[in-house]
Amino acid sequence: MGLVESQFANGVMTIRLNDAERRNPLSRALLQELVEAIDVVDARPDVRVAVLTNNGSVFCAGANLAEFSSDSAPSATRTIQLSELFQRIRQSPKPWVGRINGHCMGGGVGLAAAMDISVASESSKFAFSEVRLGVSPAVISVVVLAKLRLADAQSHFLRGDRFSAGRAAQMGLINESVSADDLDRTVAAIIDDLLAGAPGALAVTKQLFTNVPHLSVDEAFAWTAQVSGERFASDEAREGMSAFFEKRPARWVAHLPTDEA
């Protein structure tokens, strides 16, 4: 059994962190398996949505401290892997949903922030615990600072304190905090909405989040006008509008894969 488990059904690839005995730490082996799982998600056209969740009571405890104490120079390799992981999720044409069912610390918070949409059980706790270990939340800041108000980031980065899932949602780090009983229902509703979107349209829409903030206003309007024109001229747009006027599901909804693999 690997450190990451994957299961496919009905257009959704569910990926579970599976090192529960050690609280799902971001070891080099686990990071590598996660990147390999992303390869599969991106390569398979029948995968429409990816869900990242956990086995055990902890979503992710952050860095694998045992590796740092046993290896004289593990940090460069792990940093490159973590950066690659975040980049791959952001650049993936598929939407990624975080189902966070347990505590989320250090690099695990970065993993939650890298998701396109994320929901946590209200009993989950979060912390940027790096400073209490004598290190810094440097790499994860790239994905976290894009979501947090600077004052909130400064407070929690510097204090290293634990905060609730409700607080994480209030700050915009995650989208929702729900009861454990409502977690699966909430995630299922998000997945249903995502499956109603056209795959190509979702892929292009994800590009807006990474491209537009880095363009000047004139560049942004020029690029988005081109994107909009291309989408309106696409086969997906023709199908989507036909389905709307004919009051039927679009092909990408009606023909969802049903077999597990």
C-alpha atoms as a PDB file:
ATOM      1  CA  MET A   1       0.000   0.000   0.000  1.00  0.00           C
ATOM      2  CA  GLY A   2       1.425   3.372  -1.023  1.00  0.00           C
ATOM      3  CA  LEU A   3       1.597   6.661   0.856  1.00  0.00           C
ATOM      4  CA  VAL A   4      -1.056   7.992  -1.526  1.00  0.00           C
ATOM      5  CA  GLU A   5      -4.219   6.115  -2.538  1.00  0.00           C
ATOM      6  CA  SER A   6      -6.218   6.963  -5.658  1.00  0.00           C
ATOM      7  CA  GLN A   7      -9.714   5.852  -6.629  1.00  0.00           C
ATOM      8  CA  PHE A   8     -11.682   6.856  -9.718  1.00  0.00           C
ATOM      9  CA  ALA A   9     -15.468   6.872 -10.110  1.00  0.00           C
ATOM     10  CA  ASN A  10     -17.976   8.923 -12.097  1.00  0.00           C
ATOM     11  CA  GLY A  11     -15.464  11.422 -13.432  1.00  0.00           C
ATOM     12  CA  VAL A  12     -13.845  12.064 -10.038  1.00  0.00           C
ATOM     13  CA  MET A  13     -10.385  10.964  -8.926  1.00  0.00           C
ATOM     14  CA  THR A  14     -10.183  10.846  -5.131  1.00  0.00           C
ATOM     15  CA  ILE A  15      -6.620  10.981  -3.804  1.00  0.00           C
ATOM     16  CA  ARG A  16      -6.000  10.145  -0.146  1.00  0.00           C
ATOM     17  CA  LEU A  17      -2.917  10.854   1.919  1.00  0.00           C
ATOM     18  CA  ASN A  18      -2.274   7.425   3.380  1.00  0.00           C
ATOM     19  CA  ASP A  19       0.498   7.743   5.967  1.00  0.00           C
ATOM     20  CA  ALA A  20      -1.952   8.094   8.849  1.00  0.00           C
ATOM     21  CA  GLU A  21       0.301   6.381  11.393  1.00  0.00           C
ATOM     22  CA  ARG A  22       2.791   9.248  11.007  1.00  0.00           C
ATOM     23  CA  ARG A  23       0.037  11.883  10.549  1.00  0.00           C
ATOM     24  CA  ASN A  24       0.501  12.185   6.781  1.00  0.00           C
ATOM     25  CA  PRO A  25       3.753  14.199   6.824  1.00  0.00           C
ATOM     26  CA  LEU A  26       5.126  15.683   3.615  1.00  0.00           C
ATOM     27  CA  SER A  27       7.990  13.250   3.188  1.00  0.00           C
ATOM     28  CA  ARG A  28       9.927  13.164  -0.042  1.00  0.00           C
ATOM     29  CA  ALA A  29       8.285   9.826  -0.886  1.00  0.00           C
ATOM     30  CA  LEU A  30       4.766  11.150  -0.275  1.00  0.00           C
ATOM     31  CA  LEU A  31       5.453  14.301  -2.305  1.00  0.00           C
ATOM     32  CA  GLN A  32       6.707  12.172  -5.189  1.00  0.00           C
ATOM     33  CA  GLU A  33       3.604   9.990  -5.081  1.00  0.00           C
ATOM     34  CA  LEU A  34       1.399  13.083  -5.061  1.00  0.00           C
ATOM     35  CA  VAL A  35       3.119  14.463  -8.153  1.00  0.00           C
ATOM     36  CA  GLU A  36       2.659  11.081  -9.845  1.00  0.00           C
ATOM     37  CA  ALA A  37      -1.040  11.196  -8.932  1.00  0.00           C
ATOM     38  CA  ILE A  38      -1.300  14.638 -10.558  1.00  0.00           C
ATOM     39  CA  ASP A  39       0.302  13.169 -13.694  1.00  0.00           C
ATOM     40  CA  VAL A  40      -2.513  10.624 -13.845  1.00  0.00           C
ATOM     41  CA  VAL A  41      -5.235  13.235 -13.240  1.00  0.00           C
ATOM     42  CA  ASP A  42      -3.896  15.513 -15.969  1.00  0.00           C
ATOM     43  CA  ALA A  43      -3.341  12.700 -18.487  1.00  0.00           C
ATOM     44  CA  ARG A  44      -6.738  11.017 -18.214  1.00  0.00           C
ATOM     45  CA  PRO A  45      -9.513  12.791 -20.147  1.00  0.00           C
ATOM     46  CA  ASP A  46     -12.149  10.876 -18.171  1.00  0.00           C
ATOM     47  CA  VAL A  47     -10.981  12.547 -14.937  1.00  0.00           C
ATOM     48  CA  ARG A  48     -13.012  15.724 -14.618  1.00  0.00           C
ATOM     49  CA  VAL A  49     -12.392  16.634 -10.966  1.00  0.00           C
ATOM     50  CA  ALA A  50      -9.698  15.716  -8.438  1.00  0.00           C
ATOM     51  CA  VAL A  51     -10.409  15.514  -4.700  1.00  0.00           C
ATOM     52  CA  LEU A  52      -7.548  15.508  -2.199  1.00  0.00           C
ATOM     53  CA  THR A  53      -8.327  14.142   1.259  1.00  0.00           C
ATOM     54  CA  ASN A  54      -6.787  12.046   4.020  1.00  0.00           C
ATOM     55  CA  ASN A  55      -6.948   8.769   5.850  1.00  0.00           C
ATOM     56  CA  GLY A  56      -6.681   9.067   9.627  1.00  0.00           C
ATOM     57  CA  SER A  57      -7.447  11.936  11.986  1.00  0.00           C
ATOM     58  CA  VAL A  58      -4.812  14.366  10.624  1.00  0.00           C
ATOM     59  CA  PHE A  59      -4.995  15.839   7.135  1.00  0.00           C
ATOM     60  CA  CYS A  60      -1.295  16.694   7.024  1.00  0.00           C
ATOM     61  CA  ALA A  61       1.196  17.382   9.819  1.00  0.00           C
ATOM     62  CA  GLY A  62       3.552  19.327   7.555  1.00  0.00           C
ATOM     63  CA  ALA A  63       7.201  18.467   6.998  1.00  0.00           C
ATOM     64  CA  ASN A  64       8.508  15.028   7.915  1.00  0.00           C
ATOM     65  CA  LEU A  65      10.818  16.095  10.723  1.00  0.00           C
ATOM     66  CA  ALA A  66      12.336  12.620  10.964  1.00  0.00           C
ATOM     67  CA  GLU A  67      13.839  13.099   7.500  1.00  0.00           C
ATOM     68  CA  PHE A  68      15.442  16.352   8.534  1.00  0.00           C
ATOM     69  CA  SER A  69      16.996  14.789  11.628  1.00  0.00           C
ATOM     70  CA  SER A  70      18.283  11.700   9.810  1.00  0.00           C
ATOM     71  CA  ASP A  71      19.480  13.270   6.554  1.00  0.00           C
ATOM     72  CA  SER A  72      22.215  15.869   6.516  1.00  0.00           C
ATOM     73  CA  ALA A  73      20.835  17.779   3.502  1.00  0.00           C
ATOM     74  CA  PRO A  74      17.220  16.931   2.689  1.00  0.00           C
ATOM     75  CA  SER A  75      15.868  20.453   2.509  1.00  0.00           C
ATOM     76  CA  ALA A  76      16.763  21.364  -1.085  1.00  0.00           C
ATOM     77  CA  THR A  77      15.188  18.222  -2.542  1.00  0.00           C
ATOM     78  CA  ARG A  78      12.033  18.588  -0.462  1.00  0.00           C
ATOM     79  CA  THR A  79      11.712  22.303  -1.283  1.00  0.00           C
ATOM     80  CA  ILE A  80      11.935  21.586  -5.004  1.00  0.00           C
ATOM     81  CA  GLN A  81       9.341  18.812  -4.667  1.00  0.00           C
ATOM     82  CA  LEU A  82       6.973  21.020  -2.670  1.00  0.00           C
ATOM     83  CA  SER A  83       7.312  23.883  -5.139  1.00  0.00           C
ATOM     84  CA  GLU A  84       6.675  21.502  -8.033  1.00  0.00           C
ATOM     85  CA  LEU A  85       3.629  20.062  -6.288  1.00  0.00           C
ATOM     86  CA  PHE A  86       2.039  23.472  -5.741  1.00  0.00           C
ATOM     87  CA  GLN A  87       2.827  24.537  -9.304  1.00  0.00           C
ATOM     88  CA  ARG A  88       1.378  21.348 -10.750  1.00  0.00           C
ATOM     89  CA  ILE A  89      -1.903  21.787  -8.864  1.00  0.00           C
ATOM     90  CA  ARG A  90      -2.188  25.426  -9.928  1.00  0.00           C
ATOM     91  CA  GLN A  91      -1.375  24.589 -13.556  1.00  0.00           C
ATOM     92  CA  SER A  92      -3.548  21.484 -13.751  1.00  0.00           C
ATOM     93  CA  PRO A  93      -6.413  21.912 -16.226  1.00  0.00           C
ATOM     94  CA  LYS A  94      -8.665  20.008 -13.799  1.00  0.00           C
ATOM     95  CA  PRO A  95     -10.288  21.600 -10.729  1.00  0.00           C
ATOM     96  CA  TRP A  96      -8.897  20.382  -7.385  1.00  0.00           C
ATOM     97  CA  VAL A  97     -11.092  20.141  -4.303  1.00  0.00           C
ATOM     98  CA  GLY A  98      -9.656  19.771  -0.805  1.00  0.00           C
ATOM     99  CA  ARG A  99     -11.644  17.613   1.618  1.00  0.00           C
ATOM    100  CA  ILE A 100      -9.810  18.380   4.851  1.00  0.00           C
ATOM    101  CA  ASN A 101     -10.879  16.023   7.588  1.00  0.00           C
ATOM    102  CA  GLY A 102      -8.381  16.596  10.365  1.00  0.00           C
ATOM    103  CA  HIS A 103      -5.648  18.888  11.611  1.00  0.00           C
ATOM    104  CA  CYS A 104      -3.565  20.757   9.080  1.00  0.00           C
ATOM    105  CA  MET A 105      -0.131  22.083  10.049  1.00  0.00           C
ATOM    106  CA  GLY A 106       2.773  23.855   8.366  1.00  0.00           C
ATOM    107  CA  GLY A 107       3.229  22.619   4.822  1.00  0.00           C
ATOM    108  CA  GLY A 108      -0.156  20.918   5.067  1.00  0.00           C
ATOM    109  CA  VAL A 109      -1.763  24.365   5.251  1.00  0.00           C
ATOM    110  CA  GLY A 110       0.030  25.210   2.029  1.00  0.00           C
ATOM    111  CA  LEU A 111      -1.414  22.066   0.474  1.00  0.00           C
ATOM    112  CA  ALA A 112      -4.901  23.132   1.536  1.00  0.00           C
ATOM    113  CA  ALA A 113      -4.325  26.636   0.151  1.00  0.00           C
ATOM    114  CA  ALA A 114      -3.133  25.233  -3.185  1.00  0.00           C
ATOM    115  CA  MET A 115      -6.555  23.684  -3.801  1.00  0.00           C
ATOM    116  CA  ASP A 116      -8.989  25.505  -6.078  1.00  0.00           C
ATOM    117  CA  ILE A 117     -11.799  24.928  -3.577  1.00  0.00           C
ATOM    118  CA  SER A 118     -11.424  23.484  -0.091  1.00  0.00           C
ATOM    119  CA  VAL A 119     -13.717  22.470   2.746  1.00  0.00           C
ATOM    120  CA  ALA A 120     -12.681  21.420   6.255  1.00  0.00           C
ATOM    121  CA  SER A 121     -14.486  19.716   9.091  1.00  0.00           C
ATOM    122  CA  GLU A 122     -15.083  22.256  11.839  1.00  0.00           C
ATOM    123  CA  SER A 123     -13.065  20.233  14.356  1.00  0.00           C
ATOM    124  CA  SER A 124      -9.911  20.622  12.235  1.00  0.00           C
ATOM    125  CA  LYS A 125      -7.160  22.898  13.519  1.00  0.00           C
ATOM    126  CA  PHE A 126      -4.685  24.839  11.419  1.00  0.00           C
ATOM    127  CA  ALA A 127      -1.293  26.362  12.200  1.00  0.00           C
ATOM    128  CA  PHE A 128       1.695  27.904  10.467  1.00  0.00           C
ATOM    129  CA  SER A 129       3.941  26.193  12.983  1.00  0.00           C
ATOM    130  CA  GLU A 130       7.262  26.734  11.196  1.00  0.00           C
ATOM    131  CA  VAL A 131       8.624  29.553  13.377  1.00  0.00           C
ATOM    132  CA  ARG A 132       8.237  27.402  16.486  1.00  0.00           C
ATOM    133  CA  LEU A 133      10.557  24.890  14.848  1.00  0.00           C
ATOM    134  CA  GLY A 134      13.113  27.536  13.919  1.00  0.00           C
ATOM    135  CA  VAL A 135      12.205  27.627  10.221  1.00  0.00           C
ATOM    136  CA  SER A 136       9.939  29.736   7.995  1.00  0.00           C
ATOM    137  CA  PRO A 137       6.740  29.126   5.971  1.00  0.00           C
ATOM    138  CA  ALA A 138       8.660  30.310   2.908  1.00  0.00           C
ATOM    139  CA  VAL A 139       7.574  28.022   0.065  1.00  0.00           C
ATOM    140  CA  ILE A 140       3.957  27.752   1.188  1.00  0.00           C
ATOM    141  CA  SER A 141       3.720  31.549   1.373  1.00  0.00           C
ATOM    142  CA  VAL A 142       3.520  31.611  -2.437  1.00  0.00           C
ATOM    143  CA  VAL A 143       0.106  29.920  -2.384  1.00  0.00           C
ATOM    144  CA  VAL A 144      -1.044  31.167   1.022  1.00  0.00           C
ATOM    145  CA  LEU A 145      -0.407  34.901   0.550  1.00  0.00           C
ATOM    146  CA  ALA A 146      -2.514  34.837  -2.601  1.00  0.00           C
ATOM    147  CA  LYS A 147      -5.521  34.028  -0.407  1.00  0.00           C
ATOM    148  CA  LEU A 148      -4.967  35.798   2.919  1.00  0.00           C
ATOM    149  CA  ARG A 149      -5.270  39.404   3.955  1.00  0.00           C
ATOM    150  CA  LEU A 150      -1.729  40.549   4.788  1.00  0.00           C
ATOM    151  CA  ALA A 151      -2.612  41.384   8.404  1.00  0.00           C
ATOM    152  CA  ASP A 152      -3.965  37.863   8.973  1.00  0.00           C
ATOM    153  CA  ALA A 153      -0.905  36.282   7.371  1.00  0.00           C
ATOM    154  CA  GLN A 154       1.446  38.396   9.469  1.00  0.00           C
ATOM    155  CA  SER A 155      -0.328  37.458  12.676  1.00  0.00           C
ATOM    156  CA  HIS A 156      -0.497  33.707  12.115  1.00  0.00           C
ATOM    157  CA  PHE A 157       2.867  33.326  10.350  1.00  0.00           C
ATOM    158  CA  LEU A 158       4.684  35.137  13.150  1.00  0.00           C
ATOM    159  CA  ARG A 159       2.767  33.740  16.118  1.00  0.00           C
ATOM    160  CA  GLY A 160       2.655  30.124  14.935  1.00  0.00           C
ATOM    161  CA  ASP A 161      -0.596  29.719  16.858  1.00  0.00           C
ATOM    162  CA  ARG A 162      -3.348  27.208  16.190  1.00  0.00           C
ATOM    163  CA  PHE A 163      -6.623  28.443  14.759  1.00  0.00           C
ATOM    164  CA  SER A 164      -9.945  26.849  13.927  1.00  0.00           C
ATOM    165  CA  ALA A 165     -11.321  25.767  10.575  1.00  0.00           C
ATOM    166  CA  GLY A 166     -13.920  28.495  11.006  1.00  0.00           C
ATOM    167  CA  ARG A 167     -11.147  31.068  11.316  1.00  0.00           C
ATOM    168  CA  ALA A 168      -9.415  29.578   8.264  1.00  0.00           C
ATOM    169  CA  ALA A 169     -12.631  30.032   6.269  1.00  0.00           C
ATOM    170  CA  GLN A 170     -13.138  33.557   7.609  1.00  0.00           C
ATOM    171  CA  MET A 171      -9.650  34.506   6.381  1.00  0.00           C
ATOM    172  CA  GLY A 172     -10.173  32.945   2.944  1.00  0.00           C
ATOM    173  CA  LEU A 173      -7.574  30.227   3.462  1.00  0.00           C
ATOM    174  CA  ILE A 174     -10.294  27.630   2.805  1.00  0.00           C
ATOM    175  CA  ASN A 175     -13.802  28.077   1.444  1.00  0.00           C
ATOM    176  CA  GLU A 176     -15.964  26.499   4.112  1.00  0.00           C
ATOM    177  CA  SER A 177     -15.923  24.977   7.570  1.00  0.00           C
ATOM    178  CA  VAL A 178     -18.690  22.435   8.135  1.00  0.00           C
ATOM    179  CA  SER A 179     -19.621  19.753  10.629  1.00  0.00           C
ATOM    180  CA  ALA A 180     -18.146  16.300  10.130  1.00  0.00           C
ATOM    181  CA  ASP A 181     -21.635  15.054   9.255  1.00  0.00           C
ATOM    182  CA  ASP A 182     -21.940  17.667   6.484  1.00  0.00           C
ATOM    183  CA  LEU A 183     -18.439  17.289   5.033  1.00  0.00           C
ATOM    184  CA  ASP A 184     -19.214  14.683   2.386  1.00  0.00           C
ATOM    185  CA  ARG A 185     -22.501  16.344   1.457  1.00  0.00           C
ATOM    186  CA  THR A 186     -20.778  19.696   0.967  1.00  0.00           C
ATOM    187  CA  VAL A 187     -17.960  18.215  -1.105  1.00  0.00           C
ATOM    188  CA  ALA A 188     -20.465  16.283  -3.232  1.00  0.00           C
ATOM    189  CA  ALA A 189     -22.373  19.504  -3.986  1.00  0.00           C
ATOM    190  CA  ILE A 190     -19.136  21.198  -5.077  1.00  0.00           C
ATOM    191  CA  ILE A 191     -18.268  18.240  -7.313  1.00  0.00           C
ATOM    192  CA  ASP A 192     -21.741  18.309  -8.903  1.00  0.00           C
ATOM    193  CA  ASP A 193     -21.277  21.988  -9.755  1.00  0.00           C
ATOM    194  CA  LEU A 194     -17.828  21.362 -11.228  1.00  0.00           C
ATOM    195  CA  LEU A 195     -19.052  18.447 -13.331  1.00  0.00           C
ATOM    196  CA  ALA A 196     -21.707  20.759 -14.804  1.00  0.00           C
ATOM    197  CA  GLY A 197     -18.925  22.956 -16.218  1.00  0.00           C
ATOM    198  CA  ALA A 198     -17.305  22.212 -19.573  1.00  0.00           C
ATOM    199  CA  PRO A 199     -13.813  20.710 -19.171  1.00  0.00           C
ATOM    200  CA  GLY A 200     -12.132  23.161 -21.551  1.00  0.00           C
ATOM    201  CA  ALA A 201     -13.921  26.125 -20.015  1.00  0.00           C
ATOM    202  CA  LEU A 202     -12.820  25.069 -16.524  1.00  0.00           C
ATOM    203  CA  ALA A 203      -9.209  24.718 -17.686  1.00  0.00           C
ATOM    204  CA  VAL A 204      -9.203  28.194 -19.219  1.00  0.00           C
ATOM    205  CA  THR A 205     -10.930  29.678 -16.172  1.00  0.00           C
ATOM    206  CA  LYS A 206      -8.181  28.298 -13.926  1.00  0.00           C
ATOM    207  CA  GLN A 207      -5.667  30.241 -16.040  1.00  0.00           C
ATOM    208  CA  LEU A 208      -7.383  33.493 -15.063  1.00  0.00           C
ATOM    209  CA  PHE A 209      -6.344  33.053 -11.432  1.00  0.00           C
ATOM    210  CA  THR A 210      -2.651  32.692 -12.239  1.00  0.00           C
ATOM    211  CA  ASN A 211      -2.339  35.041 -15.223  1.00  0.00           C
ATOM    212  CA  VAL A 212      -4.576  38.073 -14.647  1.00  0.00           C
ATOM    213  CA  PRO A 213      -3.073  39.239 -11.308  1.00  0.00           C
ATOM    214  CA  HIS A 214       0.382  39.491 -12.933  1.00  0.00           C
ATOM    215  CA  LEU A 215      -0.690  41.527 -15.974  1.00  0.00           C
ATOM    216  CA  SER A 216      -1.125  45.267 -16.313  1.00  0.00           C
ATOM    217  CA  VAL A 217      -4.710  46.422 -16.775  1.00  0.00           C
ATOM    218  CA  ASP A 218      -4.210  46.911 -20.514  1.00  0.00           C
ATOM    219  CA  GLU A 219      -2.507  43.516 -20.877  1.00  0.00           C
ATOM    220  CA  ALA A 220      -5.236  41.842 -18.837  1.00  0.00           C
ATOM    221  CA  PHE A 221      -8.048  43.273 -20.959  1.00  0.00           C
ATOM    222  CA  ALA A 222      -6.240  42.332 -24.193  1.00  0.00           C
ATOM    223  CA  TRP A 223      -5.536  38.775 -23.084  1.00  0.00           C
ATOM    224  CA  THR A 224      -8.975  38.138 -21.574  1.00  0.00           C
ATOM    225  CA  ALA A 225     -10.703  39.530 -24.684  1.00  0.00           C
ATOM    226  CA  GLN A 226      -8.781  36.995 -26.758  1.00  0.00           C
ATOM    227  CA  VAL A 227      -9.648  34.190 -24.336  1.00  0.00           C
ATOM    228  CA  SER A 228     -13.322  35.163 -24.312  1.00  0.00           C
ATOM    229  CA  GLY A 229     -13.490  35.267 -28.104  1.00  0.00           C
ATOM    230  CA  GLU A 230     -11.881  31.846 -28.401  1.00  0.00           C
ATOM    231  CA  ARG A 231     -14.285  30.349 -25.897  1.00  0.00           C
ATOM    232  CA  PHE A 232     -17.386  31.782 -27.573  1.00  0.00           C
ATOM    233  CA  ALA A 233     -16.173  30.272 -30.854  1.00  0.00           C
ATOM    234  CA  SER A 234     -15.450  26.865 -29.305  1.00  0.00           C
ATOM    235  CA  ASP A 235     -17.336  23.603 -29.790  1.00  0.00           C
ATOM    236  CA  GLU A 236     -18.032  23.556 -26.055  1.00  0.00           C
ATOM    237  CA  ALA A 237     -19.755  26.933 -26.256  1.00  0.00           C
ATOM    238  CA  ARG A 238     -21.905  25.820 -29.169  1.00  0.00           C
ATOM    239  CA  GLU A 239     -22.890  22.667 -27.301  1.00  0.00           C
ATOM    240  CA  GLY A 240     -23.489  24.512 -24.040  1.00  0.00           C
ATOM    241  CA  MET A 241     -25.746  27.115 -25.625  1.00  0.00           C
ATOM    242  CA  SER A 242     -27.633  24.482 -27.607  1.00  0.00           C
ATOM    243  CA  ALA A 243     -28.193  22.491 -24.427  1.00  0.00           C
ATOM    244  CA  PHE A 244     -29.424  25.615 -22.651  1.00  0.00           C
ATOM    245  CA  PHE A 245     -31.993  26.495 -25.324  1.00  0.00           C
ATOM    246  CA  GLU A 246     -33.061  22.873 -25.731  1.00  0.00           C
ATOM    247  CA  LYS A 247     -33.388  22.452 -21.964  1.00  0.00           C
ATOM    248  CA  ARG A 248     -31.197  19.345 -21.808  1.00  0.00           C
ATOM    249  CA  PRO A 249     -27.911  18.449 -20.123  1.00  0.00           C
ATOM    250  CA  ALA A 250     -24.799  19.322 -22.086  1.00  0.00           C
ATOM    251  CA  ARG A 251     -22.820  16.370 -23.447  1.00  0.00           C
ATOM    252  CA  TRP A 252     -20.128  16.699 -20.804  1.00  0.00           C
ATOM    253  CA  VAL A 253     -22.793  16.199 -18.116  1.00  0.00           C
ATOM    254  CA  ALA A 254     -24.884  13.551 -19.860  1.00  0.00           C
ATOM    255  CA  HIS A 255     -21.870  11.401 -20.790  1.00  0.00           C
ATOM    256  CA  LEU A 256     -20.005  11.257 -17.514  1.00  0.00           C
ATOM    257  CA  PRO A 257     -17.904   8.085 -17.112  1.00  0.00           C
ATOM    258  CA  THR A 258     -19.445   5.642 -14.666  1.00  0.00           C
ATOM    259  CA  ASP A 259     -16.861   2.852 -14.439  1.00  0.00           C
ATOM    260  CA  GLU A 260     -14.303   2.700 -11.664  1.00  0.00           C
ATOM    261  CA  ALA A 261     -10.660   2.254 -12.547  1.00  0.00           C
END
